[in-house]
Amino acid sequence: MKSAGVYWLLVFIILIPLWGEFVCYTGSAGLDVFCSTSGVQVGDINGDGLFDLMFTARDFGIFLFIADSPFHFNESDWSLPTLGYTRGATLLDIDNDSTLDMFVAFLYSPTLLFRNNGSSFVDITSLWGLDVPDQGEGTACLDYNRDGKIDIFVGRYHAVKNLFHNNGASLTDVTSAAGFDDILDGNDLPSVADFDGNRWTDISISGNENYIRLFHNNGDGTFSDTCISTDFNTGGHDWADFDNDGDMDLAVIGEDRPYIFKNNGGTFVEVGESLGIAETYAGLGGCNWGDYDNDGWVDLLITQTSESFLYRNIYGTNFENVTSIEGLDTISNACGAAFADFDEDGFLDIAVSRWEDGPKSVLKNQRANNYSWIEIDLEGAESPRNPVGTEVSVFIDTMRFTRQVGSNHGYASQNPYRIHFGLGYVRPAVIDSIVINWTSGRRDTYRSVVPNHIYSFIEDTASIYENNSGSRGKNMFYVIGKTIVLNSHTKGTIQVFDIMGRLILSKELSGKFSGNKIELSKCPAGVYFLKLNNNGNDKTIKKVVILK
């Protein structure tokens, strides 16, 4: 008997990595604010390396929670509006200064645009010329004309949907020129993706109609309008490649059940019911894609004002309801949700917005398995700083895993711009290649990348070489052996990254020649990238090769 007990104990220990569940934090996370909120937006708002939370609320405007640790937040006001019915909001870098700004839509008052100054949001709505009077419910951002600046889109309820072009320091209303001026239906929850594969970011809108509008970006500043019909009115939707065939598929909440539309080369076929997505009562809510178990196949989270569900993707051929198994059967009265790896352990956690005076929550993913993963931060150069619409593909043997940098997801919510890949059973020493198709049209390829890390890739750094043969006075810096010397009086911050985009060191520059030397003596031979921010005015990216 004793040996049998030991046997079963060993079996249990062996199987622990195969089991997992989400643990809900509310009061202990500092989120026990009881008011009715719609969406949740996740991003590093104060630039300290931790993901913060923002909630849109009926009658209360915006709630902002700044993280002081991965699962603990402090409520802050940051001079945000406190009144007004809000549903949609988007964190974005409107001025390309590396901080997350924000615009928010109000149902009964004008849409507002805020610039992030590091410790508060400043209203720049009038300064930038944004004019959306009311009926704003959903928001999204994209670089629709590929000029390197992020543009904004506002979904309005039974009113014209508005598209604004970013001129760099102002916005121009291009709604009519783009072809949106006759769109007056009840769909008001936008999202963005390149769903037709032409390398131009498209726009989709769902909500309150028995169809989803698809606006194909024609690449000339105009959009072509088509629809996907559904049997019932729709809620929030999200895009992902659920079958790993390289194109974006669509999930959307219907009044009877969630729908999955498989992308067949630009046409869409509903496959959710045949893949095991059961009938549910939806109410308000949305769908969000994320590979929570890192098996290489994106799973489907459904949050509703009735009850929520988690469906595990089985090799793109079937979906299994794992709500109870994974500890999500207690998540009721939900509305918006977002996937984010708050503690940077390689597993996606969940943030949930509650409807009807429910507390807000973060759910820690305590799953423990040996699957590989990779997470990637992207910084545009010719593309916007947050390059919405950029597509990243990871290739391992015969497998291809594809993600796109999105804007808004599910029901009026937003994942962080960092993208996450689970790599599943494939456990290579290195990933064969990572191919980045930037919004600008550039393509970068990185080979032999080590998995199970978080990487930062800067656009086109794979093809920029430092030329040390010219005059020292004309260069921002030059290299002598393993010493980097910057020109005198240069102030700002210099960062050194290795070939994989990992930060090796960061140094504040004093402006004194003797203090503007950086020793790389401990760095082995190889290729490094140096990024110089000169007091926020200029950015220089150089490639340096260190020889033995």
Protein backbone atom coordinates (compact mmCIF):
# COMPACT_ATOMS: atom_id res chain seq x y z
CA MET A 1 0.00 0.00 0.00
CA LYS A 2 2.81 2.32 0.89
CA SER A 3 4.55 1.72 -2.43
CA ALA A 4 1.27 2.31 -4.27
CA GLY A 5 0.87 5.64 -2.45
CA VAL A 6 4.38 6.68 -3.44
CA TYR A 7 3.62 5.65 -7.03
CA TRP A 8 0.51 7.84 -7.24
CA LEU A 9 2.34 10.72 -5.58
CA LEU A 10 5.02 10.52 -8.26
CA VAL A 11 2.38 10.40 -10.98
CA PHE A 12 0.74 13.50 -9.50
CA ILE A 13 4.05 15.36 -9.39
CA ILE A 14 4.78 14.41 -12.99
CA LEU A 15 1.36 15.57 -14.17
CA ILE A 16 1.41 18.93 -12.34
CA PRO A 17 3.02 20.74 -15.32
CA LEU A 18 0.15 19.55 -17.51
CA TRP A 19 -2.51 21.12 -15.30
CA GLY A 20 -3.10 24.77 -14.72
CA GLU A 21 -5.61 27.35 -13.67
CA PHE A 22 -6.14 31.08 -13.48
CA VAL A 23 -6.19 32.69 -10.04
CA CYS A 24 -8.30 35.82 -9.72
CA TYR A 25 -6.94 38.93 -7.98
CA THR A 26 -9.29 41.82 -7.23
CA GLY A 27 -9.02 43.43 -3.78
CA SER A 28 -5.44 42.28 -3.25
CA ALA A 29 -4.57 43.77 -6.64
CA GLY A 30 -6.01 47.15 -5.68
CA LEU A 31 -8.85 46.86 -8.19
CA ASP A 32 -11.84 46.68 -5.86
CA VAL A 33 -13.54 49.73 -7.37
CA PHE A 34 -17.24 48.98 -7.72
CA CYS A 35 -18.65 50.75 -10.74
CA SER A 36 -19.91 49.67 -14.13
CA THR A 37 -17.06 49.51 -16.65
CA SER A 38 -17.05 48.45 -20.29
CA GLY A 39 -13.58 47.95 -21.75
CA VAL A 40 -10.07 47.52 -20.39
CA GLN A 41 -6.86 48.80 -22.00
CA VAL A 42 -3.42 47.44 -21.09
CA GLY A 43 -0.12 49.25 -21.66
CA ASP A 44 2.94 50.69 -19.92
CA ILE A 45 1.54 54.18 -19.44
CA ASN A 46 4.21 55.64 -17.11
CA GLY A 47 7.18 53.94 -18.78
CA ASP A 48 8.43 51.92 -15.81
CA GLY A 49 8.36 48.55 -17.57
CA LEU A 50 5.14 47.32 -15.93
CA PHE A 51 1.78 46.99 -17.66
CA ASP A 52 -0.85 49.39 -16.30
CA LEU A 53 -4.65 49.18 -16.62
CA MET A 54 -7.27 51.63 -17.82
CA PHE A 55 -11.04 51.02 -17.67
CA THR A 56 -13.80 52.87 -19.50
CA ALA A 57 -16.85 53.41 -17.31
CA ARG A 58 -20.48 54.41 -17.70
CA ASP A 59 -21.07 57.81 -16.05
CA PHE A 60 -17.57 57.89 -14.52
CA GLY A 61 -15.27 58.52 -17.48
CA ILE A 62 -11.91 56.75 -17.17
CA PHE A 63 -10.35 54.76 -14.32
CA LEU A 64 -6.55 54.46 -14.43
CA PHE A 65 -4.55 51.99 -12.34
CA ILE A 66 -0.74 52.29 -12.33
CA ALA A 67 1.15 49.09 -11.47
CA ASP A 68 3.80 49.03 -8.77
CA SER A 69 4.29 45.27 -9.22
CA PRO A 70 2.97 42.79 -11.79
CA PHE A 71 -0.32 42.10 -9.98
CA HIS A 72 -0.79 45.18 -7.81
CA PHE A 73 -2.12 48.56 -8.95
CA ASN A 74 -2.76 52.01 -7.48
CA GLU A 75 -5.63 54.13 -8.70
CA SER A 76 -4.45 57.41 -10.27
CA ASP A 77 -6.35 60.20 -11.96
CA TRP A 78 -3.67 61.63 -14.30
CA SER A 79 -6.10 64.52 -14.99
CA LEU A 80 -8.48 62.24 -16.88
CA PRO A 81 -12.17 63.06 -17.33
CA THR A 82 -14.35 61.76 -14.52
CA LEU A 83 -17.80 62.21 -16.04
CA GLY A 84 -19.46 60.97 -19.19
CA TYR A 85 -20.59 57.66 -20.63
CA THR A 86 -17.44 56.08 -22.06
CA ARG A 87 -17.06 52.75 -23.78
CA GLY A 88 -14.15 52.86 -26.22
CA ALA A 89 -10.62 54.12 -25.61
CA THR A 90 -7.26 53.45 -27.23
CA LEU A 91 -3.71 53.83 -25.96
CA LEU A 92 -1.45 54.98 -28.80
CA ASP A 93 1.65 57.05 -29.48
CA ILE A 94 0.01 59.85 -31.44
CA ASP A 95 3.18 62.00 -31.64
CA ASN A 96 5.83 59.24 -31.91
CA ASP A 97 7.61 60.29 -28.72
CA SER A 98 7.73 56.78 -27.19
CA THR A 99 4.97 57.43 -24.63
CA LEU A 100 1.43 56.09 -24.76
CA ASP A 101 -1.14 58.81 -25.37
CA MET A 102 -4.88 58.17 -25.35
CA PHE A 103 -8.11 59.05 -27.05
CA VAL A 104 -11.51 58.19 -25.66
CA ALA A 105 -15.02 58.24 -27.16
CA PHE A 106 -18.10 59.44 -25.29
CA LEU A 107 -21.69 58.61 -26.12
CA TYR A 108 -23.18 61.98 -25.15
CA SER A 109 -20.20 64.32 -25.51
CA PRO A 110 -17.25 64.86 -27.89
CA THR A 111 -14.36 62.43 -28.32
CA LEU A 112 -11.19 63.60 -26.51
CA LEU A 113 -7.48 63.23 -27.31
CA PHE A 114 -4.83 63.31 -24.57
CA ARG A 115 -1.03 63.55 -24.70
CA ASN A 116 1.02 61.70 -22.10
CA ASN A 117 3.55 64.03 -20.43
CA GLY A 118 4.95 61.33 -18.12
CA SER A 119 2.83 61.99 -15.05
CA SER A 120 -0.53 63.17 -16.40
CA PHE A 121 -2.62 63.31 -19.56
CA VAL A 122 -3.01 66.74 -21.22
CA ASP A 123 -6.08 67.45 -23.33
CA ILE A 124 -4.93 68.28 -26.89
CA THR A 125 -8.28 67.72 -28.61
CA SER A 126 -8.69 71.28 -29.89
CA LEU A 127 -4.97 71.78 -30.51
CA TRP A 128 -4.89 68.77 -32.84
CA GLY A 129 -8.26 69.54 -34.48
CA LEU A 130 -10.15 66.42 -33.42
CA ASP A 131 -13.88 66.98 -33.82
CA VAL A 132 -16.31 64.11 -33.12
CA PRO A 133 -19.43 65.55 -31.44
CA ASP A 134 -21.02 62.50 -29.77
CA GLN A 135 -22.28 58.94 -30.30
CA GLY A 136 -18.71 57.65 -29.98
CA GLU A 137 -18.61 54.08 -28.67
CA GLY A 138 -15.61 52.26 -30.15
CA THR A 139 -12.08 53.41 -31.00
CA ALA A 140 -9.07 52.04 -32.87
CA CYS A 141 -5.82 53.24 -34.43
CA LEU A 142 -3.83 52.30 -37.55
CA ASP A 143 -1.47 53.75 -40.13
CA TYR A 144 -3.97 53.47 -42.98
CA ASN A 145 -1.81 55.27 -45.59
CA ARG A 146 1.61 53.93 -44.46
CA ASP A 147 3.17 57.36 -43.88
CA GLY A 148 4.71 56.42 -40.51
CA LYS A 149 2.17 58.23 -38.33
CA ILE A 150 -0.65 56.57 -36.42
CA ASP A 151 -4.16 57.59 -37.48
CA ILE A 152 -7.38 57.21 -35.47
CA PHE A 153 -10.82 55.75 -36.14
CA VAL A 154 -14.01 56.29 -34.12
CA GLY A 155 -16.96 53.88 -34.33
CA ARG A 156 -20.22 55.74 -33.66
CA TYR A 157 -23.65 54.32 -32.88
CA HIS A 158 -26.10 55.05 -35.73
CA ALA A 159 -23.86 57.88 -36.88
CA VAL A 160 -21.04 58.41 -39.37
CA LYS A 161 -17.87 56.48 -38.52
CA ASN A 162 -14.91 58.89 -38.47
CA LEU A 163 -11.36 58.42 -39.78
CA PHE A 164 -8.71 61.06 -38.98
CA HIS A 165 -5.36 61.38 -40.73
CA ASN A 166 -2.38 62.24 -38.51
CA ASN A 167 -0.31 65.09 -39.97
CA GLY A 168 2.32 64.91 -37.20
CA ALA A 169 0.94 67.71 -35.02
CA SER A 170 -2.69 67.85 -36.13
CA LEU A 171 -5.52 65.66 -37.41
CA THR A 172 -7.49 65.96 -40.64
CA ASP A 173 -10.95 64.44 -41.02
CA VAL A 174 -10.76 62.14 -44.07
CA THR A 175 -14.04 60.33 -43.37
CA SER A 176 -15.68 61.28 -46.65
CA ALA A 177 -12.57 60.86 -48.81
CA ALA A 178 -11.97 57.38 -47.37
CA GLY A 179 -15.55 56.26 -48.02
CA PHE A 180 -17.11 56.19 -44.55
CA ASP A 181 -19.56 59.10 -44.80
CA ASP A 182 -22.57 56.93 -45.68
CA ILE A 183 -22.02 54.34 -42.93
CA LEU A 184 -24.77 55.12 -40.40
CA ASP A 185 -25.63 51.72 -38.92
CA GLY A 186 -25.46 50.46 -35.33
CA ASN A 187 -22.07 48.74 -35.64
CA ASP A 188 -19.72 50.69 -33.39
CA LEU A 189 -16.92 48.36 -32.15
CA PRO A 190 -13.90 48.63 -34.50
CA SER A 191 -10.78 46.53 -34.79
CA VAL A 192 -7.94 46.49 -37.32
CA ALA A 193 -6.02 43.77 -39.18
CA ASP A 194 -4.63 43.07 -42.62
CA PHE A 195 -7.26 40.42 -43.28
CA ASP A 196 -6.93 40.42 -47.09
CA GLY A 197 -3.14 39.98 -47.10
CA ASN A 198 -2.27 43.01 -49.28
CA ARG A 199 0.03 44.60 -46.64
CA TRP A 200 -2.39 47.49 -46.02
CA THR A 201 -4.18 47.54 -42.67
CA ASP A 202 -7.95 47.07 -42.92
CA ILE A 203 -10.80 48.02 -40.54
CA SER A 204 -13.67 45.88 -39.25
CA ILE A 205 -16.71 46.98 -37.20
CA SER A 206 -19.20 44.85 -35.24
CA GLY A 207 -21.97 45.48 -32.72
CA ASN A 208 -25.76 45.84 -32.80
CA GLU A 209 -26.28 44.55 -36.33
CA ASN A 210 -26.65 41.07 -37.82
CA TYR A 211 -23.51 41.53 -39.87
CA ILE A 212 -19.89 42.62 -39.49
CA ARG A 213 -18.59 45.35 -41.75
CA LEU A 214 -15.23 44.75 -43.41
CA PHE A 215 -13.48 47.76 -44.88
CA HIS A 216 -10.71 46.67 -47.26
CA ASN A 217 -7.87 49.18 -47.48
CA ASN A 218 -7.29 49.89 -51.18
CA GLY A 219 -3.90 51.48 -50.57
CA ASP A 220 -4.92 54.81 -52.10
CA GLY A 221 -6.60 56.37 -49.07
CA THR A 222 -9.96 54.72 -49.74
CA PHE A 223 -11.70 51.64 -48.35
CA SER A 224 -14.07 49.18 -50.02
CA ASP A 225 -17.05 48.09 -47.90
CA THR A 226 -18.16 44.44 -47.65
CA CYS A 227 -20.04 42.50 -44.99
CA ILE A 228 -20.05 39.13 -43.25
CA SER A 229 -23.62 38.12 -42.43
CA THR A 230 -24.54 36.57 -39.09
CA ASP A 231 -27.85 35.21 -37.79
CA PHE A 232 -28.00 37.61 -34.84
CA ASN A 233 -26.70 40.95 -33.66
CA THR A 234 -23.02 40.95 -32.82
CA GLY A 235 -20.84 42.16 -29.96
CA GLY A 236 -17.05 42.54 -29.80
CA HIS A 237 -14.72 40.70 -32.19
CA ASP A 238 -11.04 39.86 -32.59
CA TRP A 239 -8.61 38.71 -35.31
CA ALA A 240 -6.01 35.91 -35.15
CA ASP A 241 -4.62 33.01 -37.18
CA PHE A 242 -6.33 30.16 -35.30
CA ASP A 243 -5.35 27.44 -37.79
CA ASN A 244 -1.73 28.56 -38.37
CA ASP A 245 -2.15 28.92 -42.14
CA GLY A 246 -0.75 32.47 -42.23
CA ASP A 247 -3.90 34.59 -42.59
CA MET A 248 -6.18 36.31 -40.10
CA ASP A 249 -9.41 34.61 -39.02
CA LEU A 250 -12.26 36.28 -37.13
CA ALA A 251 -14.13 35.51 -33.90
CA VAL A 252 -17.22 37.47 -32.87
CA ILE A 253 -19.92 37.22 -30.23
CA GLY A 254 -23.45 36.66 -31.51
CA GLU A 255 -26.66 36.73 -29.54
CA ASP A 256 -26.81 32.93 -29.54
CA ARG A 257 -23.16 31.87 -29.55
CA PRO A 258 -19.66 32.90 -30.62
CA TYR A 259 -18.90 32.64 -34.33
CA ILE A 260 -15.55 31.78 -35.93
CA PHE A 261 -15.04 32.81 -39.54
CA LYS A 262 -12.17 31.05 -41.26
CA ASN A 263 -10.29 33.15 -43.80
CA ASN A 264 -10.13 31.34 -47.14
CA GLY A 265 -8.02 33.72 -49.16
CA GLY A 266 -10.14 36.78 -48.45
CA THR A 267 -13.52 35.05 -48.20
CA PHE A 268 -14.90 33.93 -44.85
CA VAL A 269 -16.65 30.70 -43.89
CA GLU A 270 -18.30 30.16 -40.50
CA VAL A 271 -16.77 27.09 -38.80
CA GLY A 272 -17.34 27.73 -35.08
CA GLU A 273 -20.21 25.31 -34.59
CA SER A 274 -18.48 22.50 -36.46
CA LEU A 275 -15.34 23.07 -34.34
CA GLY A 276 -17.22 22.64 -31.08
CA ILE A 277 -18.19 26.18 -30.06
CA ALA A 278 -21.43 25.58 -28.16
CA GLU A 279 -24.51 27.75 -27.90
CA THR A 280 -24.25 30.31 -25.10
CA TYR A 281 -26.25 33.27 -23.94
CA ALA A 282 -24.10 36.21 -24.87
CA GLY A 283 -25.51 39.51 -23.67
CA LEU A 284 -22.86 42.21 -23.86
CA GLY A 285 -19.34 40.95 -24.38
CA GLY A 286 -16.64 39.99 -26.80
CA CYS A 287 -14.11 37.41 -28.02
CA ASN A 288 -10.34 37.56 -27.50
CA TRP A 289 -7.68 35.31 -29.01
CA GLY A 290 -4.58 34.27 -27.02
CA ASP A 291 -2.42 31.17 -26.62
CA TYR A 292 -2.85 30.81 -22.85
CA ASP A 293 -1.22 27.36 -22.64
CA ASN A 294 1.66 28.04 -25.09
CA ASP A 295 0.87 24.97 -27.21
CA GLY A 296 1.21 26.94 -30.45
CA TRP A 297 -2.52 27.33 -31.16
CA VAL A 298 -4.41 30.49 -30.15
CA ASP A 299 -7.32 29.85 -27.79
CA LEU A 300 -10.61 31.73 -27.51
CA LEU A 301 -11.72 33.70 -24.44
CA ILE A 302 -15.37 34.73 -24.32
CA THR A 303 -16.40 37.36 -21.75
CA GLN A 304 -20.08 38.19 -21.30
CA THR A 305 -22.41 39.91 -18.88
CA SER A 306 -23.95 36.47 -18.30
CA GLU A 307 -21.01 34.11 -17.92
CA SER A 308 -17.58 33.70 -19.48
CA PHE A 309 -15.97 30.80 -21.31
CA LEU A 310 -12.50 29.65 -22.31
CA TYR A 311 -12.16 27.36 -25.32
CA ARG A 312 -8.86 25.56 -25.90
CA ASN A 313 -7.79 25.26 -29.53
CA ILE A 314 -6.89 21.64 -30.42
CA TYR A 315 -4.53 21.87 -33.42
CA GLY A 316 -6.91 24.18 -35.28
CA THR A 317 -9.41 21.35 -35.81
CA ASN A 318 -11.51 21.46 -32.63
CA PHE A 319 -12.23 23.64 -29.59
CA GLU A 320 -12.61 22.21 -26.07
CA ASN A 321 -14.51 24.03 -23.33
CA VAL A 322 -11.97 24.25 -20.47
CA THR A 323 -13.71 27.00 -18.48
CA SER A 324 -14.05 25.02 -15.27
CA ILE A 325 -10.72 23.22 -15.62
CA GLU A 326 -8.85 26.51 -15.92
CA GLY A 327 -10.72 28.27 -13.10
CA LEU A 328 -12.73 30.75 -15.17
CA ASP A 329 -16.21 29.53 -14.25
CA THR A 330 -16.42 32.18 -11.51
CA ILE A 331 -15.87 35.09 -13.94
CA SER A 332 -19.41 36.39 -14.38
CA ASN A 333 -20.75 39.84 -15.08
CA ALA A 334 -17.77 40.50 -17.34
CA CYS A 335 -17.66 42.67 -20.42
CA GLY A 336 -14.29 43.69 -21.86
CA ALA A 337 -11.10 41.67 -21.39
CA ALA A 338 -7.46 41.70 -22.50
CA PHE A 339 -4.60 39.20 -22.64
CA ALA A 340 -1.21 40.34 -21.26
CA ASP A 341 1.82 38.70 -19.65
CA PHE A 342 1.87 40.89 -16.53
CA ASP A 343 4.70 39.04 -14.74
CA GLU A 344 6.76 38.25 -17.86
CA ASP A 345 6.89 34.52 -17.18
CA GLY A 346 5.95 33.66 -20.76
CA PHE A 347 2.30 32.83 -20.01
CA LEU A 348 -0.61 35.12 -20.86
CA ASP A 349 -2.64 36.49 -17.96
CA ILE A 350 -6.06 38.14 -18.26
CA ALA A 351 -7.52 41.52 -17.26
CA VAL A 352 -11.32 41.69 -16.93
CA SER A 353 -13.71 44.64 -16.89
CA ARG A 354 -16.98 44.06 -15.01
CA TRP A 355 -20.42 45.34 -15.93
CA GLU A 356 -23.08 46.55 -13.46
CA ASP A 357 -20.93 47.66 -10.50
CA GLY A 358 -18.70 44.59 -10.48
CA PRO A 359 -15.08 44.71 -9.28
CA LYS A 360 -12.25 44.75 -11.80
CA SER A 361 -9.91 41.76 -11.86
CA VAL A 362 -6.60 40.41 -13.09
CA LEU A 363 -6.26 36.66 -13.48
CA LYS A 364 -2.80 35.19 -13.07
CA ASN A 365 -2.03 32.27 -15.34
CA GLN A 366 -0.40 29.70 -13.02
CA ARG A 367 -0.03 27.09 -15.71
CA ALA A 368 3.35 25.35 -15.62
CA ASN A 369 4.52 23.33 -18.61
CA ASN A 370 7.64 22.94 -20.69
CA TYR A 371 6.33 24.52 -23.88
CA SER A 372 8.49 27.14 -25.58
CA TRP A 373 7.38 30.73 -26.15
CA ILE A 374 8.63 34.10 -27.33
CA GLU A 375 7.38 37.67 -26.82
CA ILE A 376 8.30 40.59 -29.06
CA ASP A 377 8.22 44.37 -28.67
CA LEU A 378 8.41 46.21 -31.97
CA GLU A 379 9.53 49.80 -32.53
CA GLY A 380 8.90 51.37 -35.90
CA ALA A 381 11.26 53.78 -37.62
CA GLU A 382 9.55 54.38 -40.96
CA SER A 383 6.46 52.72 -39.49
CA PRO A 384 4.74 54.32 -36.47
CA ARG A 385 6.55 53.89 -33.17
CA ASN A 386 3.82 51.41 -32.18
CA PRO A 387 3.55 49.75 -35.60
CA VAL A 388 -0.11 48.66 -35.67
CA GLY A 389 -0.70 46.32 -38.61
CA THR A 390 2.84 44.92 -38.66
CA GLU A 391 2.86 41.15 -39.17
CA VAL A 392 5.35 38.83 -37.47
CA SER A 393 5.83 35.18 -38.48
CA VAL A 394 7.91 32.65 -36.54
CA PHE A 395 9.18 29.67 -38.54
CA ILE A 396 10.25 26.40 -36.91
CA ASP A 397 10.73 23.32 -39.10
CA THR A 398 7.48 23.04 -41.04
CA MET A 399 5.45 25.19 -38.63
CA ARG A 400 4.54 28.84 -39.11
CA PHE A 401 3.09 30.98 -36.31
CA THR A 402 1.71 34.37 -37.37
CA ARG A 403 0.61 37.39 -35.34
CA GLN A 404 -0.25 40.98 -36.22
CA VAL A 405 0.17 44.02 -34.01
CA GLY A 406 -3.40 45.02 -33.23
CA SER A 407 -5.15 48.00 -31.79
CA ASN A 408 -8.43 47.14 -30.07
CA HIS A 409 -9.65 43.64 -29.26
CA GLY A 410 -12.92 42.05 -28.17
CA TYR A 411 -15.37 44.37 -26.47
CA ALA A 412 -13.89 47.90 -26.46
CA SER A 413 -10.62 46.54 -25.01
CA GLN A 414 -6.95 46.54 -25.90
CA ASN A 415 -4.06 44.12 -25.42
CA PRO A 416 -0.57 45.60 -25.03
CA TYR A 417 1.39 46.13 -28.25
CA ARG A 418 3.81 43.38 -27.21
CA ILE A 419 2.96 40.22 -29.15
CA HIS A 420 3.12 36.71 -27.71
CA PHE A 421 3.80 33.35 -29.35
CA GLY A 422 3.39 29.95 -27.79
CA LEU A 423 5.58 27.43 -29.61
CA GLY A 424 4.18 24.21 -28.19
CA TYR A 425 5.86 20.84 -28.42
CA VAL A 426 8.50 22.22 -30.77
CA ARG A 427 11.44 22.85 -28.45
CA PRO A 428 14.40 23.83 -30.61
CA ALA A 429 17.65 25.26 -29.35
CA VAL A 430 16.91 28.14 -31.73
CA ILE A 431 14.00 29.36 -33.84
CA ASP A 432 14.76 28.98 -37.55
CA SER A 433 13.70 32.52 -38.42
CA ILE A 434 11.49 35.45 -37.48
CA VAL A 435 10.14 37.50 -40.40
CA ILE A 436 8.74 40.97 -39.69
CA ASN A 437 6.63 42.63 -42.38
CA TRP A 438 6.48 46.20 -41.12
CA THR A 439 3.58 48.53 -41.82
CA SER A 440 5.90 50.69 -43.91
CA GLY A 441 6.44 47.83 -46.37
CA ARG A 442 9.91 46.90 -45.12
CA ARG A 443 10.77 43.31 -44.25
CA ASP A 444 13.33 42.28 -41.63
CA THR A 445 14.47 38.71 -41.03
CA TYR A 446 16.23 37.43 -37.91
CA ARG A 447 17.67 33.92 -37.88
CA SER A 448 18.66 31.45 -35.17
CA VAL A 449 16.71 33.20 -32.39
CA VAL A 450 16.73 31.61 -28.93
CA PRO A 451 13.16 31.02 -27.58
CA ASN A 452 11.80 31.71 -24.07
CA HIS A 453 12.82 35.37 -24.03
CA ILE A 454 11.23 38.80 -24.52
CA TYR A 455 12.85 40.63 -27.44
CA SER A 456 12.83 44.17 -28.80
CA PHE A 457 13.23 44.67 -32.54
CA ILE A 458 13.72 48.09 -34.15
CA GLU A 459 12.67 48.50 -37.76
CA ASP A 460 15.43 48.04 -40.36
CA THR A 461 18.26 47.65 -37.84
CA ALA A 462 19.21 44.46 -39.69
CA SER A 463 20.48 46.56 -42.60
CA ILE A 464 22.05 49.63 -40.93
CA TYR A 465 25.86 49.56 -40.65
CA GLU A 466 28.11 52.04 -38.90
CA ASN A 467 30.55 53.67 -41.30
CA ASN A 468 33.73 54.46 -39.35
CA SER A 469 35.76 55.63 -42.33
CA GLY A 470 34.37 59.17 -42.42
CA SER A 471 35.29 62.24 -40.41
CA ARG A 472 34.78 61.82 -36.69
CA GLY A 473 33.24 65.25 -36.48
CA LYS A 474 30.37 64.24 -38.76
CA ASN A 475 29.45 61.10 -36.84
CA MET A 476 27.39 60.94 -33.68
CA PHE A 477 29.91 58.46 -32.32
CA TYR A 478 32.81 56.28 -33.39
CA VAL A 479 34.29 53.02 -32.12
CA ILE A 480 37.86 52.31 -31.04
CA GLY A 481 38.25 48.62 -30.27
CA LYS A 482 35.53 47.99 -27.68
CA THR A 483 35.12 51.62 -26.65
CA ILE A 484 32.30 53.78 -28.01
CA VAL A 485 33.09 57.49 -27.96
CA LEU A 486 30.38 60.08 -28.54
CA ASN A 487 30.89 63.63 -29.74
CA SER A 488 31.36 66.23 -27.01
CA HIS A 489 28.30 67.97 -25.57
CA THR A 490 25.99 65.16 -26.67
CA LYS A 491 23.21 64.70 -24.13
CA GLY A 492 20.47 62.11 -23.91
CA THR A 493 20.40 58.34 -23.51
CA ILE A 494 22.30 55.66 -25.35
CA GLN A 495 21.23 52.02 -25.29
CA VAL A 496 23.11 48.96 -26.53
CA PHE A 497 21.23 45.91 -27.82
CA ASP A 498 22.58 42.57 -28.95
CA ILE A 499 21.65 40.98 -32.28
CA MET A 500 18.52 39.47 -30.70
CA GLY A 501 17.26 42.86 -29.53
CA ARG A 502 18.07 42.29 -25.85
CA LEU A 503 19.10 45.40 -23.91
CA ILE A 504 22.75 45.05 -22.84
CA LEU A 505 23.21 48.43 -21.19
CA SER A 506 21.73 51.90 -21.00
CA LYS A 507 23.58 55.09 -20.09
CA GLU A 508 22.60 58.71 -19.55
CA LEU A 509 25.00 61.05 -21.38
CA SER A 510 26.41 63.98 -19.43
CA GLY A 511 27.41 66.23 -22.31
CA LYS A 512 31.03 66.18 -21.19
CA PHE A 513 33.49 64.52 -23.55
CA SER A 514 35.27 62.51 -20.85
CA GLY A 515 31.95 61.13 -19.64
CA ASN A 516 30.70 60.10 -23.06
CA LYS A 517 32.70 56.92 -23.34
CA ILE A 518 31.08 53.51 -23.13
CA GLU A 519 33.19 50.43 -22.58
CA LEU A 520 32.02 47.18 -24.15
CA SER A 521 34.96 45.18 -22.82
CA LYS A 522 32.69 42.51 -21.34
CA CYS A 523 30.75 42.01 -24.55
CA PRO A 524 31.86 39.03 -26.63
CA ALA A 525 32.58 39.39 -30.33
CA GLY A 526 29.43 39.89 -32.35
CA VAL A 527 26.95 42.38 -33.74
CA TYR A 528 25.38 45.09 -31.56
CA PHE A 529 22.92 47.90 -32.16
CA LEU A 530 23.30 51.30 -30.55
CA LYS A 531 20.27 53.54 -30.14
CA LEU A 532 20.91 57.19 -29.26
CA ASN A 533 18.06 59.41 -28.07
CA ASN A 534 19.38 62.97 -28.03
CA ASN A 535 17.06 64.69 -25.54
CA GLY A 536 14.04 63.41 -27.44
CA ASN A 537 14.90 65.49 -30.51
CA ASP A 538 16.90 63.06 -32.60
CA LYS A 539 17.17 59.30 -32.73
CA THR A 540 20.14 57.54 -34.27
CA ILE A 541 20.37 53.78 -34.70
CA LYS A 542 23.73 52.29 -35.66
CA LYS A 543 25.05 48.79 -36.12
CA VAL A 544 28.45 48.00 -34.60
CA VAL A 545 30.49 44.87 -35.17
CA ILE A 546 32.88 43.96 -32.35
CA LEU A 547 35.77 41.76 -33.40
CA LYS A 548 37.95 39.59 -31.17
